C-alpha atoms as a PDB file:
ATOM      1  CA  MET A   1       1.357  -0.411 -26.723  1.00  0.00           C
ATOM      2  CA  GLN A   2       1.882  -0.948 -23.000  1.00  0.00           C
ATOM      3  CA  ALA A   3       3.692   2.384 -22.676  1.00  0.00           C
ATOM      4  CA  HIS A   4       0.746   4.193 -24.328  1.00  0.00           C
ATOM      5  CA  TYR A   5      -1.696   2.510 -21.948  1.00  0.00           C
ATOM      6  CA  ILE A   6       0.414   3.483 -18.918  1.00  0.00           C
ATOM      7  CA  ARG A   7       0.567   7.097 -20.144  1.00  0.00           C
ATOM      8  CA  ALA A   8      -3.222   7.100 -20.594  1.00  0.00           C
ATOM      9  CA  MET A   9      -3.609   5.752 -17.037  1.00  0.00           C
ATOM     10  CA  ASP A  10      -1.266   8.509 -15.805  1.00  0.00           C
ATOM     11  CA  ARG A  11      -3.593  11.084 -17.373  1.00  0.00           C
ATOM     12  CA  LEU A  12      -6.637   9.339 -15.916  1.00  0.00           C
ATOM     13  CA  GLN A  13      -4.969   9.356 -12.497  1.00  0.00           C
ATOM     14  CA  LEU A  14      -4.334  13.093 -12.842  1.00  0.00           C
ATOM     15  CA  LEU A  15      -7.979  13.639 -13.807  1.00  0.00           C
ATOM     16  CA  CYS A  16      -9.105  11.699 -10.706  1.00  0.00           C
ATOM     17  CA  MET A  17      -6.779  13.842  -8.611  1.00  0.00           C
ATOM     18  CA  VAL A  18      -8.149  17.084 -10.090  1.00  0.00           C
ATOM     19  CA  ILE A  19     -11.771  16.006  -9.580  1.00  0.00           C
ATOM     20  CA  ALA A  20     -11.172  14.806  -6.006  1.00  0.00           C
ATOM     21  CA  GLY A  21      -9.144  17.891  -5.129  1.00  0.00           C
ATOM     22  CA  SER A  22     -11.725  20.243  -6.637  1.00  0.00           C
ATOM     23  CA  CYS A  23     -14.497  18.539  -4.688  1.00  0.00           C
ATOM     24  CA  LEU A  24     -12.537  18.921  -1.473  1.00  0.00           C
ATOM     25  CA  VAL A  25     -11.850  22.609  -2.120  1.00  0.00           C
ATOM     26  CA  VAL A  26     -15.511  23.353  -2.901  1.00  0.00           C
ATOM     27  CA  ILE A  27     -16.653  21.447   0.200  1.00  0.00           C
ATOM     28  CA  THR A  28     -14.172  23.438   2.277  1.00  0.00           C
ATOM     29  CA  LEU A  29     -15.620  26.687   0.916  1.00  0.00           C
ATOM     30  CA  ILE A  30     -19.351  25.944   1.102  1.00  0.00           C
ATOM     31  CA  ILE A  31     -19.608  24.395   4.571  1.00  0.00           C
ATOM     32  CA  PRO A  32     -18.406  27.576   6.347  1.00  0.00           C
ATOM     33  CA  TRP A  33     -20.948  29.513   4.257  1.00  0.00           C
ATOM     34  CA  GLY A  34     -23.706  27.248   5.552  1.00  0.00           C
ATOM     35  CA  VAL A  35     -22.522  27.734   9.131  1.00  0.00           C
ATOM     36  CA  PHE A  36     -22.283  31.508   8.628  1.00  0.00           C
ATOM     37  CA  THR A  37     -25.798  31.815   7.226  1.00  0.00           C
ATOM     38  CA  ARG A  38     -27.262  29.623   9.952  1.00  0.00           C
ATOM     39  CA  TYR A  39     -25.592  31.102  13.033  1.00  0.00           C
ATOM     40  CA  VAL A  40     -24.719  34.658  12.023  1.00  0.00           C
ATOM     41  CA  LEU A  41     -27.521  35.603   9.649  1.00  0.00           C
ATOM     42  CA  ASN A  42     -30.124  33.351  11.348  1.00  0.00           C
ATOM     43  CA  SER A  43     -31.308  32.327   7.888  1.00  0.00           C
ATOM     44  CA  ALA A  44     -29.816  28.991   6.944  1.00  0.00           C
ATOM     45  CA  SER A  45     -28.983  28.301   3.307  1.00  0.00           C
ATOM     46  CA  SER A  46     -30.540  25.042   2.228  1.00  0.00           C
ATOM     47  CA  TRP A  47     -28.004  24.107  -0.438  1.00  0.00           C
ATOM     48  CA  PRO A  48     -24.530  23.783   1.213  1.00  0.00           C
ATOM     49  CA  GLU A  49     -25.148  20.493   3.027  1.00  0.00           C
ATOM     50  CA  PRO A  50     -26.731  18.514   0.153  1.00  0.00           C
ATOM     51  CA  LEU A  51     -24.127  19.880  -2.260  1.00  0.00           C
ATOM     52  CA  ALA A  52     -21.355  18.843   0.135  1.00  0.00           C
ATOM     53  CA  VAL A  53     -22.845  15.328   0.285  1.00  0.00           C
ATOM     54  CA  LEU A  54     -22.895  15.084  -3.533  1.00  0.00           C
ATOM     55  CA  LEU A  55     -19.324  16.331  -3.746  1.00  0.00           C
ATOM     56  CA  MET A  56     -18.224  13.898  -1.037  1.00  0.00           C
ATOM     57  CA  ILE A  57     -19.605  11.016  -3.082  1.00  0.00           C
ATOM     58  CA  TRP A  58     -17.588  12.139  -6.103  1.00  0.00           C
ATOM     59  CA  PHE A  59     -14.529  12.726  -3.911  1.00  0.00           C
ATOM     60  CA  SER A  60     -14.792   9.248  -2.368  1.00  0.00           C
ATOM     61  CA  PHE A  61     -15.003   7.260  -5.597  1.00  0.00           C
ATOM     62  CA  MET A  62     -12.329   9.265  -7.428  1.00  0.00           C
ATOM     63  CA  SER A  63     -10.016   9.069  -4.400  1.00  0.00           C
ATOM     64  CA  ALA A  64     -10.587   5.326  -4.065  1.00  0.00           C
ATOM     65  CA  ALA A  65      -9.451   4.771  -7.654  1.00  0.00           C
ATOM     66  CA  LEU A  66      -6.495   7.075  -7.098  1.00  0.00           C
ATOM     67  CA  CYS A  67      -5.440   5.301  -3.905  1.00  0.00           C
ATOM     68  CA  TYR A  68      -5.700   1.925  -5.620  1.00  0.00           C
ATOM     69  CA  ARG A  69      -3.360   2.995  -8.411  1.00  0.00           C
ATOM     70  CA  GLU A  70      -0.855   4.515  -5.994  1.00  0.00           C
ATOM     71  CA  ASN A  71      -1.000   1.468  -3.668  1.00  0.00           C
ATOM     72  CA  LEU A  72      -2.213   3.610  -0.787  1.00  0.00           C
ATOM     73  CA  HIS A  73      -5.164   1.333  -0.029  1.00  0.00           C
ATOM     74  CA  ILE A  74      -5.353  -1.013   2.926  1.00  0.00           C
ATOM     75  CA  GLY A  75      -3.774  -4.360   2.157  1.00  0.00           C
ATOM     76  CA  VAL A  76      -2.965  -7.340   4.333  1.00  0.00           C
ATOM     77  CA  MET A  77       0.453  -8.546   3.230  1.00  0.00           C
ATOM     78  CA  VAL A  78       0.965 -11.452   5.662  1.00  0.00           C
ATOM     79  CA  LEU A  79       0.160 -14.195   3.142  1.00  0.00           C
ATOM     80  CA  PRO A  80       1.888 -12.669   0.092  1.00  0.00           C
ATOM     81  CA  ASN A  81       5.017 -11.928   2.129  1.00  0.00           C
ATOM     82  CA  ALA A  82       5.133 -15.557   3.295  1.00  0.00           C
ATOM     83  CA  LEU A  83       4.968 -16.863  -0.277  1.00  0.00           C
ATOM     84  CA  LYS A  84       7.606 -16.980  -2.997  1.00  0.00           C
ATOM     85  CA  GLY A  85       7.625 -17.481  -6.743  1.00  0.00           C
ATOM     86  CA  THR A  86       4.601 -18.895  -8.521  1.00  0.00           C
ATOM     87  CA  ALA A  87       2.444 -19.106  -5.388  1.00  0.00           C
ATOM     88  CA  ARG A  88       2.947 -15.383  -4.718  1.00  0.00           C
ATOM     89  CA  ILE A  89       2.101 -14.519  -8.333  1.00  0.00           C
ATOM     90  CA  ALA A  90      -1.007 -16.731  -8.200  1.00  0.00           C
ATOM     91  CA  VAL A  91      -2.238 -14.990  -5.042  1.00  0.00           C
ATOM     92  CA  GLY A  92      -1.559 -11.619  -6.700  1.00  0.00           C
ATOM     93  CA  TRP A  93      -3.597 -12.600  -9.736  1.00  0.00           C
ATOM     94  CA  LEU A  94      -6.397 -13.919  -7.527  1.00  0.00           C
ATOM     95  CA  VAL A  95      -6.531 -10.623  -5.635  1.00  0.00           C
ATOM     96  CA  GLU A  96      -6.585  -8.601  -8.859  1.00  0.00           C
ATOM     97  CA  VAL A  97      -9.243 -10.833 -10.441  1.00  0.00           C
ATOM     98  CA  CYS A  98     -11.395 -10.298  -7.325  1.00  0.00           C
ATOM     99  CA  MET A  99     -10.798  -6.541  -7.651  1.00  0.00           C
ATOM    100  CA  ALA A 100     -11.788  -6.708 -11.321  1.00  0.00           C
ATOM    101  CA  ALA A 101     -14.969  -8.633 -10.461  1.00  0.00           C
ATOM    102  CA  THR A 102     -15.880  -6.101  -7.763  1.00  0.00           C
ATOM    103  CA  ASN A 103     -15.337  -3.176 -10.120  1.00  0.00           C
ATOM    104  CA  LEU A 104     -17.220  -4.880 -12.921  1.00  0.00           C
ATOM    105  CA  PHE A 105     -20.114  -5.316 -10.480  1.00  0.00           C
ATOM    106  CA  MET A 106     -19.911  -1.593  -9.650  1.00  0.00           C
ATOM    107  CA  LEU A 107     -19.918  -0.749 -13.352  1.00  0.00           C
ATOM    108  CA  VAL A 108     -22.860  -2.939 -14.379  1.00  0.00           C
ATOM    109  CA  TRP A 109     -25.145  -2.413 -11.391  1.00  0.00           C
ATOM    110  CA  GLY A 110     -24.069   1.218 -10.985  1.00  0.00           C
ATOM    111  CA  LEU A 111     -25.126   1.922 -14.562  1.00  0.00           C
ATOM    112  CA  ARG A 112     -28.486   0.270 -13.886  1.00  0.00           C
ATOM    113  CA  LEU A 113     -28.907   2.414 -10.781  1.00  0.00           C
ATOM    114  CA  VAL A 114     -28.039   5.577 -12.701  1.00  0.00           C
ATOM    115  CA  GLU A 115     -30.423   4.597 -15.497  1.00  0.00           C
ATOM    116  CA  THR A 116     -33.248   3.853 -13.032  1.00  0.00           C
ATOM    117  CA  THR A 117     -32.866   7.153 -11.163  1.00  0.00           C
ATOM    118  CA  TRP A 118     -31.926   9.425 -14.078  1.00  0.00           C
ATOM    119  CA  HIS A 119     -35.405  10.924 -14.512  1.00  0.00           C
ATOM    120  CA  GLN A 120     -35.856  11.684 -10.820  1.00  0.00           C
ATOM    121  CA  VAL A 121     -34.663  14.955  -9.343  1.00  0.00           C
ATOM    122  CA  ILE A 122     -32.871  15.816  -6.127  1.00  0.00           C
ATOM    123  CA  ALA A 123     -35.296  17.663  -3.856  1.00  0.00           C
ATOM    124  CA  ASP A 124     -32.819  20.420  -2.956  1.00  0.00           C
ATOM    125  CA  PHE A 125     -31.668  20.836  -6.583  1.00  0.00           C
ATOM    126  CA  PRO A 126     -34.677  20.358  -8.895  1.00  0.00           C
ATOM    127  CA  ILE A 127     -32.565  20.794 -12.050  1.00  0.00           C
ATOM    128  CA  VAL A 128     -30.120  18.010 -11.043  1.00  0.00           C
ATOM    129  CA  SER A 129     -30.934  14.377 -11.776  1.00  0.00           C
ATOM    130  CA  THR A 130     -30.704  11.869  -8.942  1.00  0.00           C
ATOM    131  CA  GLY A 131     -28.758   9.706 -11.368  1.00  0.00           C
ATOM    132  CA  THR A 132     -25.852  12.160 -11.220  1.00  0.00           C
ATOM    133  CA  SER A 133     -25.438  11.412  -7.529  1.00  0.00           C
ATOM    134  CA  TYR A 134     -25.013   7.707  -8.398  1.00  0.00           C
ATOM    135  CA  LEU A 135     -22.828   8.319 -11.456  1.00  0.00           C
ATOM    136  CA  PRO A 136     -19.563   8.070  -9.443  1.00  0.00           C
ATOM    137  CA  VAL A 137     -20.308   4.383  -8.719  1.00  0.00           C
ATOM    138  CA  PRO A 138     -19.969   3.122 -12.313  1.00  0.00           C
ATOM    139  CA  LEU A 139     -17.309   5.725 -13.130  1.00  0.00           C
ATOM    140  CA  GLY A 140     -15.197   4.789 -10.124  1.00  0.00           C
ATOM    141  CA  GLY A 141     -15.665   1.110 -10.950  1.00  0.00           C
ATOM    142  CA  THR A 142     -14.609   1.673 -14.561  1.00  0.00           C
ATOM    143  CA  ILE A 143     -11.551   3.726 -13.646  1.00  0.00           C
ATOM    144  CA  THR A 144     -10.410   1.252 -11.012  1.00  0.00           C
ATOM    145  CA  LEU A 145     -11.021  -1.611 -13.462  1.00  0.00           C
ATOM    146  CA  LEU A 146      -8.732   0.136 -15.947  1.00  0.00           C
ATOM    147  CA  PHE A 147      -6.101   0.440 -13.198  1.00  0.00           C
ATOM    148  CA  VAL A 148      -6.515  -3.294 -12.401  1.00  0.00           C
ATOM    149  CA  ILE A 149      -5.918  -4.118 -16.075  1.00  0.00           C
ATOM    150  CA  GLU A 150      -2.786  -1.973 -15.988  1.00  0.00           C
ATOM    151  CA  ARG A 151      -1.528  -3.749 -12.875  1.00  0.00           C
ATOM    152  CA  LEU A 152      -2.131  -7.198 -14.378  1.00  0.00           C
ATOM    153  CA  TRP A 153      -0.575  -6.204 -17.700  1.00  0.00           C
ATOM    154  CA  THR A 154       2.563  -4.757 -16.119  1.00  0.00           C
ATOM    155  CA  GLY A 155       2.829  -7.488 -13.496  1.00  0.00           C
ATOM    156  CA  ARG A 156       3.184  -4.979 -10.641  1.00  0.00           C
ATOM    157  CA  LEU A 157       1.392  -7.094  -8.068  1.00  0.00           C
ATOM    158  CA  PHE A 158       1.721  -6.157  -4.383  1.00  0.00           C
ATOM    159  CA  GLY A 159       3.296  -2.810  -5.188  1.00  0.00           C
ATOM    160  CA  ARG A 160       4.392  -0.430  -2.508  1.00  0.00           C
ATOM    161  CA  PRO A 161       3.534   3.276  -2.478  1.00  0.00           C
ATOM    162  CA  THR A 162       6.100   5.416  -4.233  1.00  0.00           C
ATOM    163  CA  ASP A 163       8.071   7.916  -2.193  1.00  0.00           C
ATOM    164  CA  ASP A 164       6.449  10.861  -3.975  1.00  0.00           C
ATOM    165  CA  SER A 165       2.935   9.661  -3.062  1.00  0.00           C
ATOM    166  CA  LEU A 166       3.723   9.663   0.658  1.00  0.00           C
ATOM    167  CA  VAL A 167       4.088  12.789   2.727  1.00  0.00           C
ATOM    168  CA  PRO A 168       5.863  12.568   6.062  1.00  0.00           C
ATOM    169  CA  ILE A 169       3.779  13.712   8.997  1.00  0.00           C
ATOM    170  CA  SER A 170       5.333  16.225  11.308  1.00  0.00           C
ATOM    171  CA  THR A 171       5.297  15.202  14.937  1.00  0.00           C
ATOM    172  CA  GLU A 172       6.371  18.562  16.274  1.00  0.00           C
END
């Protein structure tokens, strides 16, 4: 059962990576178009900037879930590193329970926000619901909550990033 859940989370992680990567690629393509139309054609396109903002929201929440699963998030390890045994495990559980509560908050109140704004439209995109711009909040909360459950179930508290998730930076 646990192995099936981990495999499902691997697929969910890949989906987050595809969504975040696609958003970044589209942002990279549309922003130069907006600059080109504004400064070369002297007729600015109205859609690249608001679309880039929407995509950045999706990118941010999907990337946050991805970074949490890969242990690439910011973490202060002074206290956990000073503790041993049961105390360290208790602090790990406390941290994960707080993460679960935060993501549950994002899920519940994010869904209410999406529901409240679903029948409004974005001014620059009249066919797109305002609720879609808030949809990453409950989705990101749900995905991260699933990753928290995985971490608690497997007992991988205070994990370190894997070698394949880190890329060395060239200093040359």
